[in-house]
Amino acid sequence: MTSVKDVPADVLIAELSKYMRDIPQIKPPVWTPFVKTGANKERPPLSPDWWYVRAASLMRKLYINGPLGVGTLRIMYGYRAKIGDKTRRERTRKAGGAIIRKLLQQLEQAGLVAKTKEGRVLTPEGRSLVDRIASRVARELVKNRPELLKYITPRTE
């Protein structure tokens, strides 16, 4: 069976974000056109469907990395921030927490994520959804785009 680790992340996240648009609990709040994703960012994301892409990315991270909290996810979505002129070093900044927190709450309402003592984890429904989409992506890559076959890692079980 194909796993999430077997398919390219960008293709999986794109397909999963298309599916996320159809889930009624996952809707961008009214403040999403104005919010920045981090402290040193100058503008909001340019893509109009960035909310669903971030939700799909969160699902993939929870699938691969196990129980995660908001603080850990803020570090994972963090970035290198330039401060001052060319002589000063960059420093790491955490991503904004409100976006991650709100998305996790929406995924919990949809029944795809559950809260535990260690952090948030995917429910069996969430894992099966991600597995189904990963296997569909792998079949599509094999059938329609053979040039991407080199990115699919073979399973040795």
N, C-alpha and C. Protein backbone atom coordinates (compact mmCIF):
# COMPACT_ATOMS: atom_id res chain seq x y z
N MET A 1 0.83 -1.18 0.00
CA MET A 1 0.00 0.00 0.00
C MET A 1 0.88 1.24 0.00
N THR A 2 0.45 2.24 -0.70
CA THR A 2 1.19 3.49 -0.79
C THR A 2 1.00 4.32 0.47
N SER A 3 2.06 4.89 0.96
CA SER A 3 2.02 5.73 2.16
C SER A 3 2.23 7.18 1.78
N VAL A 4 2.04 8.05 2.74
CA VAL A 4 2.24 9.48 2.53
C VAL A 4 3.70 9.78 2.21
N LYS A 5 4.60 9.00 2.78
CA LYS A 5 6.02 9.22 2.55
C LYS A 5 6.47 8.79 1.16
N ASP A 6 5.62 8.08 0.44
CA ASP A 6 5.99 7.56 -0.87
C ASP A 6 5.70 8.52 -2.01
N VAL A 7 4.92 9.54 -1.78
CA VAL A 7 4.53 10.47 -2.86
C VAL A 7 5.13 11.84 -2.59
N PRO A 8 5.35 12.65 -3.62
CA PRO A 8 5.89 13.99 -3.42
C PRO A 8 4.95 14.85 -2.58
N ALA A 9 5.51 15.61 -1.66
CA ALA A 9 4.70 16.39 -0.73
C ALA A 9 3.86 17.44 -1.43
N ASP A 10 4.41 18.11 -2.42
CA ASP A 10 3.67 19.19 -3.06
C ASP A 10 2.45 18.68 -3.82
N VAL A 11 2.58 17.52 -4.45
CA VAL A 11 1.46 16.95 -5.19
C VAL A 11 0.39 16.47 -4.22
N LEU A 12 0.82 15.83 -3.12
CA LEU A 12 -0.13 15.36 -2.12
C LEU A 12 -0.88 16.51 -1.48
N ILE A 13 -0.18 17.57 -1.11
CA ILE A 13 -0.82 18.71 -0.46
C ILE A 13 -1.79 19.40 -1.42
N ALA A 14 -1.45 19.48 -2.69
CA ALA A 14 -2.35 20.10 -3.67
C ALA A 14 -3.65 19.29 -3.79
N GLU A 15 -3.54 17.96 -3.85
CA GLU A 15 -4.74 17.13 -3.97
C GLU A 15 -5.56 17.15 -2.68
N LEU A 16 -4.88 17.13 -1.55
CA LEU A 16 -5.58 17.15 -0.27
C LEU A 16 -6.28 18.48 -0.05
N SER A 17 -5.67 19.57 -0.52
CA SER A 17 -6.32 20.88 -0.36
C SER A 17 -7.58 20.98 -1.22
N LYS A 18 -7.58 20.32 -2.38
CA LYS A 18 -8.81 20.29 -3.19
C LYS A 18 -9.93 19.59 -2.44
N TYR A 19 -9.58 18.52 -1.73
CA TYR A 19 -10.58 17.80 -0.95
C TYR A 19 -11.06 18.63 0.24
N MET A 20 -10.15 19.40 0.85
CA MET A 20 -10.49 20.20 2.03
C MET A 20 -11.55 21.26 1.72
N ARG A 21 -11.59 21.73 0.49
CA ARG A 21 -12.58 22.75 0.12
C ARG A 21 -14.01 22.24 0.25
N ASP A 22 -14.20 20.91 0.14
CA ASP A 22 -15.53 20.33 0.19
C ASP A 22 -16.00 20.01 1.60
N ILE A 23 -15.14 20.12 2.59
CA ILE A 23 -15.52 19.83 3.98
C ILE A 23 -16.17 21.09 4.56
N PRO A 24 -17.42 21.02 5.01
CA PRO A 24 -18.11 22.24 5.45
C PRO A 24 -17.53 22.87 6.71
N GLN A 25 -16.87 22.09 7.58
CA GLN A 25 -16.32 22.66 8.81
C GLN A 25 -15.06 23.47 8.57
N ILE A 26 -14.40 23.25 7.45
CA ILE A 26 -13.14 23.95 7.17
C ILE A 26 -13.43 25.11 6.23
N LYS A 27 -13.56 26.28 6.81
CA LYS A 27 -13.80 27.50 6.06
C LYS A 27 -12.89 28.59 6.60
N PRO A 28 -12.32 29.42 5.74
CA PRO A 28 -11.47 30.50 6.24
C PRO A 28 -12.30 31.55 6.99
N PRO A 29 -11.80 32.01 8.13
CA PRO A 29 -12.50 33.07 8.85
C PRO A 29 -12.50 34.38 8.07
N VAL A 30 -13.24 35.35 8.54
CA VAL A 30 -13.35 36.62 7.82
C VAL A 30 -12.04 37.40 7.83
N TRP A 31 -11.17 37.12 8.78
CA TRP A 31 -9.93 37.88 8.89
C TRP A 31 -8.80 37.33 8.02
N THR A 32 -9.01 36.25 7.29
CA THR A 32 -7.92 35.67 6.50
C THR A 32 -7.38 36.55 5.38
N PRO A 33 -8.16 37.43 4.74
CA PRO A 33 -7.53 38.27 3.71
C PRO A 33 -6.54 39.30 4.26
N PHE A 34 -6.59 39.52 5.57
CA PHE A 34 -5.78 40.59 6.16
C PHE A 34 -4.66 40.10 7.05
N VAL A 35 -4.65 38.81 7.39
CA VAL A 35 -3.70 38.30 8.37
C VAL A 35 -2.37 37.94 7.71
N LYS A 36 -1.29 38.17 8.45
CA LYS A 36 0.03 37.72 8.01
C LYS A 36 0.31 36.38 8.68
N THR A 37 1.19 35.58 8.10
CA THR A 37 1.49 34.27 8.66
C THR A 37 2.61 34.30 9.68
N GLY A 38 3.25 35.44 9.87
CA GLY A 38 4.31 35.56 10.85
C GLY A 38 4.62 37.01 11.15
N ALA A 39 5.42 37.23 12.19
CA ALA A 39 5.68 38.59 12.67
C ALA A 39 6.45 39.44 11.66
N ASN A 40 7.43 38.87 11.00
CA ASN A 40 8.25 39.66 10.09
C ASN A 40 7.77 39.62 8.65
N LYS A 41 6.65 38.98 8.39
CA LYS A 41 6.09 38.99 7.04
C LYS A 41 5.47 40.36 6.79
N GLU A 42 5.58 40.82 5.55
CA GLU A 42 5.05 42.14 5.24
C GLU A 42 3.64 42.09 4.69
N ARG A 43 3.26 40.98 4.06
CA ARG A 43 1.95 40.89 3.42
C ARG A 43 1.27 39.58 3.77
N PRO A 44 -0.04 39.54 3.58
CA PRO A 44 -0.75 38.26 3.71
C PRO A 44 -0.40 37.35 2.53
N PRO A 45 -0.69 36.08 2.63
CA PRO A 45 -0.44 35.18 1.49
C PRO A 45 -1.21 35.63 0.25
N LEU A 46 -0.61 35.47 -0.92
CA LEU A 46 -1.21 35.94 -2.16
C LEU A 46 -2.25 34.98 -2.72
N SER A 47 -2.11 33.71 -2.46
CA SER A 47 -3.05 32.72 -3.00
C SER A 47 -4.40 32.84 -2.29
N PRO A 48 -5.50 32.84 -3.04
CA PRO A 48 -6.80 32.97 -2.39
C PRO A 48 -7.21 31.72 -1.61
N ASP A 49 -6.65 30.57 -1.93
CA ASP A 49 -7.01 29.34 -1.22
C ASP A 49 -5.89 28.85 -0.30
N TRP A 50 -5.11 29.76 0.25
CA TRP A 50 -4.00 29.38 1.10
C TRP A 50 -4.46 28.70 2.38
N TRP A 51 -5.68 28.98 2.83
CA TRP A 51 -6.21 28.38 4.06
C TRP A 51 -6.30 26.86 3.90
N TYR A 52 -6.78 26.41 2.75
CA TYR A 52 -6.95 24.98 2.51
C TYR A 52 -5.59 24.30 2.29
N VAL A 53 -4.66 25.00 1.68
CA VAL A 53 -3.32 24.46 1.50
C VAL A 53 -2.64 24.28 2.85
N ARG A 54 -2.82 25.25 3.75
CA ARG A 54 -2.23 25.13 5.09
C ARG A 54 -2.90 23.99 5.87
N ALA A 55 -4.21 23.81 5.69
CA ALA A 55 -4.90 22.71 6.36
C ALA A 55 -4.38 21.36 5.87
N ALA A 56 -4.17 21.24 4.57
CA ALA A 56 -3.64 20.00 4.02
C ALA A 56 -2.21 19.76 4.50
N SER A 57 -1.43 20.81 4.57
CA SER A 57 -0.07 20.68 5.06
C SER A 57 -0.04 20.26 6.53
N LEU A 58 -0.96 20.80 7.32
CA LEU A 58 -1.07 20.40 8.72
C LEU A 58 -1.41 18.91 8.84
N MET A 59 -2.33 18.46 8.01
CA MET A 59 -2.70 17.04 8.04
C MET A 59 -1.49 16.16 7.72
N ARG A 60 -0.70 16.56 6.74
CA ARG A 60 0.49 15.78 6.37
C ARG A 60 1.50 15.78 7.50
N LYS A 61 1.73 16.93 8.13
CA LYS A 61 2.69 17.00 9.24
C LYS A 61 2.23 16.15 10.42
N LEU A 62 0.94 16.18 10.72
CA LEU A 62 0.43 15.35 11.81
C LEU A 62 0.54 13.87 11.48
N TYR A 63 0.36 13.51 10.23
CA TYR A 63 0.49 12.12 9.81
C TYR A 63 1.92 11.63 10.00
N ILE A 64 2.87 12.42 9.59
CA ILE A 64 4.27 11.99 9.59
C ILE A 64 4.90 12.11 10.98
N ASN A 65 4.67 13.22 11.66
CA ASN A 65 5.41 13.52 12.89
C ASN A 65 4.68 13.17 14.17
N GLY A 66 3.52 12.56 14.10
CA GLY A 66 2.86 12.11 15.31
C GLY A 66 2.19 13.23 16.09
N PRO A 67 2.03 13.05 17.41
CA PRO A 67 1.36 14.09 18.19
C PRO A 67 2.18 15.38 18.21
N LEU A 68 1.54 16.48 17.82
CA LEU A 68 2.21 17.78 17.77
C LEU A 68 1.32 18.83 18.44
N GLY A 69 1.96 19.77 19.12
CA GLY A 69 1.25 20.89 19.71
C GLY A 69 1.37 22.12 18.84
N VAL A 70 0.67 23.17 19.24
CA VAL A 70 0.69 24.41 18.47
C VAL A 70 2.08 25.02 18.48
N GLY A 71 2.77 24.95 19.61
CA GLY A 71 4.12 25.52 19.69
C GLY A 71 5.10 24.84 18.75
N THR A 72 5.03 23.53 18.66
CA THR A 72 5.91 22.80 17.75
C THR A 72 5.57 23.12 16.30
N LEU A 73 4.29 23.23 16.01
CA LEU A 73 3.88 23.57 14.64
C LEU A 73 4.29 25.00 14.29
N ARG A 74 4.28 25.90 15.25
CA ARG A 74 4.75 27.27 14.99
C ARG A 74 6.23 27.26 14.61
N ILE A 75 7.00 26.41 15.25
CA ILE A 75 8.42 26.29 14.90
C ILE A 75 8.57 25.68 13.52
N MET A 76 7.78 24.64 13.21
CA MET A 76 7.89 23.98 11.92
C MET A 76 7.53 24.91 10.76
N TYR A 77 6.55 25.76 10.97
CA TYR A 77 6.14 26.71 9.93
C TYR A 77 6.90 28.03 10.03
N GLY A 78 7.89 28.10 10.90
CA GLY A 78 8.69 29.31 11.06
C GLY A 78 9.56 29.58 9.85
N TYR A 79 10.33 30.67 9.92
CA TYR A 79 11.11 31.10 8.77
C TYR A 79 12.31 31.89 9.26
N ARG A 80 13.22 32.18 8.35
CA ARG A 80 14.39 32.99 8.66
C ARG A 80 14.05 34.44 8.38
N ALA A 81 14.23 35.30 9.38
CA ALA A 81 13.87 36.70 9.25
C ALA A 81 15.12 37.55 9.14
N LYS A 82 15.14 38.43 8.16
CA LYS A 82 16.24 39.38 8.03
C LYS A 82 15.98 40.53 9.00
N ILE A 83 17.04 40.90 9.71
CA ILE A 83 16.90 42.01 10.64
C ILE A 83 18.02 42.99 10.34
N GLY A 84 17.67 44.19 10.00
CA GLY A 84 18.68 45.21 9.78
C GLY A 84 19.35 45.12 8.43
N ASP A 85 20.62 45.51 8.39
CA ASP A 85 21.36 45.62 7.13
C ASP A 85 22.03 44.29 6.78
N LYS A 86 22.93 44.34 5.83
CA LYS A 86 23.57 43.12 5.32
C LYS A 86 24.57 42.52 6.30
N THR A 87 25.07 43.30 7.24
CA THR A 87 26.09 42.79 8.14
C THR A 87 25.51 41.98 9.29
N ARG A 88 24.25 42.13 9.59
CA ARG A 88 23.63 41.39 10.70
C ARG A 88 23.13 40.05 10.20
N ARG A 89 23.20 39.08 11.08
CA ARG A 89 22.74 37.73 10.73
C ARG A 89 21.22 37.65 10.76
N GLU A 90 20.71 36.67 10.03
CA GLU A 90 19.28 36.39 10.10
C GLU A 90 18.99 35.65 11.39
N ARG A 91 17.73 35.67 11.78
CA ARG A 91 17.36 34.88 12.94
C ARG A 91 16.04 34.17 12.67
N THR A 92 15.83 33.11 13.40
CA THR A 92 14.64 32.29 13.19
C THR A 92 13.45 32.93 13.89
N ARG A 93 12.32 32.94 13.20
CA ARG A 93 11.07 33.46 13.76
C ARG A 93 10.01 32.37 13.69
N LYS A 94 9.18 32.31 14.69
CA LYS A 94 8.07 31.37 14.67
C LYS A 94 6.95 31.91 13.79
N ALA A 95 6.16 31.01 13.26
CA ALA A 95 4.98 31.41 12.50
C ALA A 95 3.88 31.85 13.46
N GLY A 96 2.86 32.48 12.92
CA GLY A 96 1.74 32.92 13.74
C GLY A 96 0.96 31.74 14.30
N GLY A 97 0.52 31.85 15.53
CA GLY A 97 -0.16 30.74 16.18
C GLY A 97 -1.66 30.71 15.97
N ALA A 98 -2.27 31.85 15.69
CA ALA A 98 -3.73 31.90 15.56
C ALA A 98 -4.21 31.10 14.36
N ILE A 99 -3.46 31.16 13.28
CA ILE A 99 -3.84 30.42 12.07
C ILE A 99 -3.78 28.92 12.34
N ILE A 100 -2.71 28.47 12.94
CA ILE A 100 -2.54 27.05 13.23
C ILE A 100 -3.60 26.58 14.22
N ARG A 101 -3.83 27.37 15.25
CA ARG A 101 -4.81 27.01 16.27
C ARG A 101 -6.21 26.90 15.68
N LYS A 102 -6.60 27.88 14.88
CA LYS A 102 -7.94 27.87 14.28
C LYS A 102 -8.11 26.69 13.32
N LEU A 103 -7.08 26.40 12.54
CA LEU A 103 -7.15 25.26 11.62
C LEU A 103 -7.26 23.94 12.38
N LEU A 104 -6.51 23.79 13.46
CA LEU A 104 -6.61 22.57 14.25
C LEU A 104 -8.00 22.42 14.85
N GLN A 105 -8.59 23.52 15.29
CA GLN A 105 -9.95 23.48 15.84
C GLN A 105 -10.95 23.07 14.75
N GLN A 106 -10.79 23.60 13.55
CA GLN A 106 -11.69 23.23 12.47
C GLN A 106 -11.51 21.77 12.07
N LEU A 107 -10.28 21.29 12.05
CA LEU A 107 -10.04 19.88 11.73
C LEU A 107 -10.59 18.97 12.82
N GLU A 108 -10.58 19.43 14.08
CA GLU A 108 -11.20 18.66 15.15
C GLU A 108 -12.70 18.59 14.96
N GLN A 109 -13.32 19.71 14.59
CA GLN A 109 -14.77 19.72 14.36
C GLN A 109 -15.15 18.80 13.20
N ALA A 110 -14.27 18.69 12.22
CA ALA A 110 -14.53 17.82 11.08
C ALA A 110 -14.28 16.36 11.41
N GLY A 111 -13.69 16.08 12.57
CA GLY A 111 -13.44 14.70 12.97
C GLY A 111 -12.17 14.11 12.39
N LEU A 112 -11.27 14.94 11.90
CA LEU A 112 -10.04 14.45 11.29
C LEU A 112 -8.86 14.48 12.26
N VAL A 113 -8.95 15.31 13.30
CA VAL A 113 -7.87 15.48 14.27
C VAL A 113 -8.47 15.35 15.67
N ALA A 114 -7.71 14.78 16.59
CA ALA A 114 -8.15 14.66 17.97
C ALA A 114 -7.06 15.22 18.89
N LYS A 115 -7.48 15.72 20.04
CA LYS A 115 -6.55 16.28 21.02
C LYS A 115 -6.23 15.21 22.07
N THR A 116 -4.93 15.02 22.33
CA THR A 116 -4.49 14.09 23.38
C THR A 116 -3.59 14.86 24.35
N LYS A 117 -3.08 14.16 25.38
CA LYS A 117 -2.17 14.81 26.32
C LYS A 117 -0.85 15.20 25.67
N GLU A 118 -0.41 14.41 24.69
CA GLU A 118 0.86 14.69 24.02
C GLU A 118 0.73 15.77 22.96
N GLY A 119 -0.46 16.01 22.45
CA GLY A 119 -0.67 16.99 21.39
C GLY A 119 -1.79 16.52 20.47
N ARG A 120 -1.88 17.15 19.33
CA ARG A 120 -2.92 16.77 18.37
C ARG A 120 -2.45 15.60 17.51
N VAL A 121 -3.35 14.67 17.23
CA VAL A 121 -3.06 13.51 16.39
C VAL A 121 -4.19 13.35 15.38
N LEU A 122 -3.90 12.64 14.31
CA LEU A 122 -4.95 12.33 13.34
C LEU A 122 -5.83 11.21 13.87
N THR A 123 -7.11 11.33 13.65
CA THR A 123 -8.03 10.26 13.98
C THR A 123 -7.91 9.17 12.91
N PRO A 124 -8.48 8.00 13.14
CA PRO A 124 -8.45 6.98 12.09
C PRO A 124 -9.10 7.45 10.79
N GLU A 125 -10.14 8.29 10.88
CA GLU A 125 -10.75 8.83 9.67
C GLU A 125 -9.78 9.75 8.93
N GLY A 126 -9.04 10.55 9.69
CA GLY A 126 -8.06 11.45 9.08
C GLY A 126 -6.92 10.69 8.42
N ARG A 127 -6.43 9.64 9.09
CA ARG A 127 -5.36 8.83 8.51
C ARG A 127 -5.82 8.13 7.24
N SER A 128 -7.05 7.60 7.26
CA SER A 128 -7.53 6.91 6.07
C SER A 128 -7.75 7.88 4.92
N LEU A 129 -8.19 9.10 5.23
CA LEU A 129 -8.35 10.11 4.18
C LEU A 129 -7.02 10.43 3.52
N VAL A 130 -6.00 10.66 4.33
CA VAL A 130 -4.68 10.99 3.79
C VAL A 130 -4.11 9.79 3.02
N ASP A 131 -4.32 8.58 3.53
CA ASP A 131 -3.85 7.38 2.82
C ASP A 131 -4.56 7.22 1.47
N ARG A 132 -5.87 7.44 1.45
CA ARG A 132 -6.62 7.32 0.19
C ARG A 132 -6.12 8.31 -0.84
N ILE A 133 -5.92 9.54 -0.43
CA ILE A 133 -5.47 10.55 -1.38
C ILE A 133 -4.04 10.27 -1.81
N ALA A 134 -3.19 9.77 -0.91
CA ALA A 134 -1.82 9.41 -1.29
C ALA A 134 -1.81 8.29 -2.31
N SER A 135 -2.66 7.29 -2.12
CA SER A 135 -2.68 6.20 -3.10
C SER A 135 -3.25 6.67 -4.43
N ARG A 136 -4.24 7.58 -4.40
CA ARG A 136 -4.77 8.13 -5.64
C ARG A 136 -3.70 8.94 -6.37
N VAL A 137 -2.92 9.72 -5.62
CA VAL A 137 -1.84 10.51 -6.23
C VAL A 137 -0.79 9.58 -6.83
N ALA A 138 -0.45 8.52 -6.13
CA ALA A 138 0.55 7.58 -6.66
C ALA A 138 0.06 6.91 -7.94
N ARG A 139 -1.22 6.51 -7.97
CA ARG A 139 -1.77 5.91 -9.19
C ARG A 139 -1.75 6.90 -10.34
N GLU A 140 -2.09 8.16 -10.05
CA GLU A 140 -2.09 9.19 -11.10
C GLU A 140 -0.68 9.43 -11.62
N LEU A 141 0.29 9.45 -10.72
CA LEU A 141 1.67 9.66 -11.16
C LEU A 141 2.16 8.52 -12.03
N VAL A 142 1.80 7.32 -11.67
CA VAL A 142 2.22 6.17 -12.46
C VAL A 142 1.55 6.20 -13.83
N LYS A 143 0.29 6.57 -13.86
CA LYS A 143 -0.47 6.52 -15.10
C LYS A 143 -0.22 7.72 -16.01
N ASN A 144 -0.28 8.93 -15.47
CA ASN A 144 -0.29 10.12 -16.31
C ASN A 144 1.05 10.85 -16.41
N ARG A 145 1.86 10.76 -15.39
CA ARG A 145 3.10 11.54 -15.38
C ARG A 145 4.29 10.65 -15.06
N PRO A 146 4.73 9.86 -16.00
CA PRO A 146 5.83 8.93 -15.71
C PRO A 146 7.15 9.63 -15.40
N GLU A 147 7.28 10.91 -15.74
CA GLU A 147 8.53 11.60 -15.42
C GLU A 147 8.69 11.82 -13.92
N LEU A 148 7.58 11.73 -13.15
CA LEU A 148 7.65 11.89 -11.70
C LEU A 148 7.81 10.57 -10.97
N LEU A 149 7.92 9.47 -11.70
CA LEU A 149 8.07 8.17 -11.08
C LEU A 149 9.34 8.07 -10.24
N LYS A 150 10.35 8.82 -10.61
CA LYS A 150 11.61 8.75 -9.85
C LYS A 150 11.47 9.29 -8.45
N TYR A 151 10.39 10.05 -8.17
CA TYR A 151 10.19 10.59 -6.82
C TYR A 151 9.43 9.66 -5.91
N ILE A 152 8.78 8.65 -6.47
CA ILE A 152 8.05 7.69 -5.65
C ILE A 152 9.04 6.66 -5.14
N THR A 153 9.13 6.54 -3.84
CA THR A 153 10.06 5.59 -3.26
C THR A 153 9.42 4.22 -3.21
N PRO A 154 10.13 3.18 -3.64
CA PRO A 154 9.54 1.84 -3.62
C PRO A 154 9.46 1.31 -2.20
N ARG A 155 8.40 0.56 -1.91
CA ARG A 155 8.22 -0.04 -0.60
C ARG A 155 8.88 -1.41 -0.59
N THR A 156 9.63 -1.69 0.44
CA THR A 156 10.26 -3.00 0.58
C THR A 156 9.70 -3.67 1.82
N GLU A 157 8.56 -4.33 1.67
CA GLU A 157 7.93 -5.01 2.82
C GLU A 157 7.69 -6.43 2.49
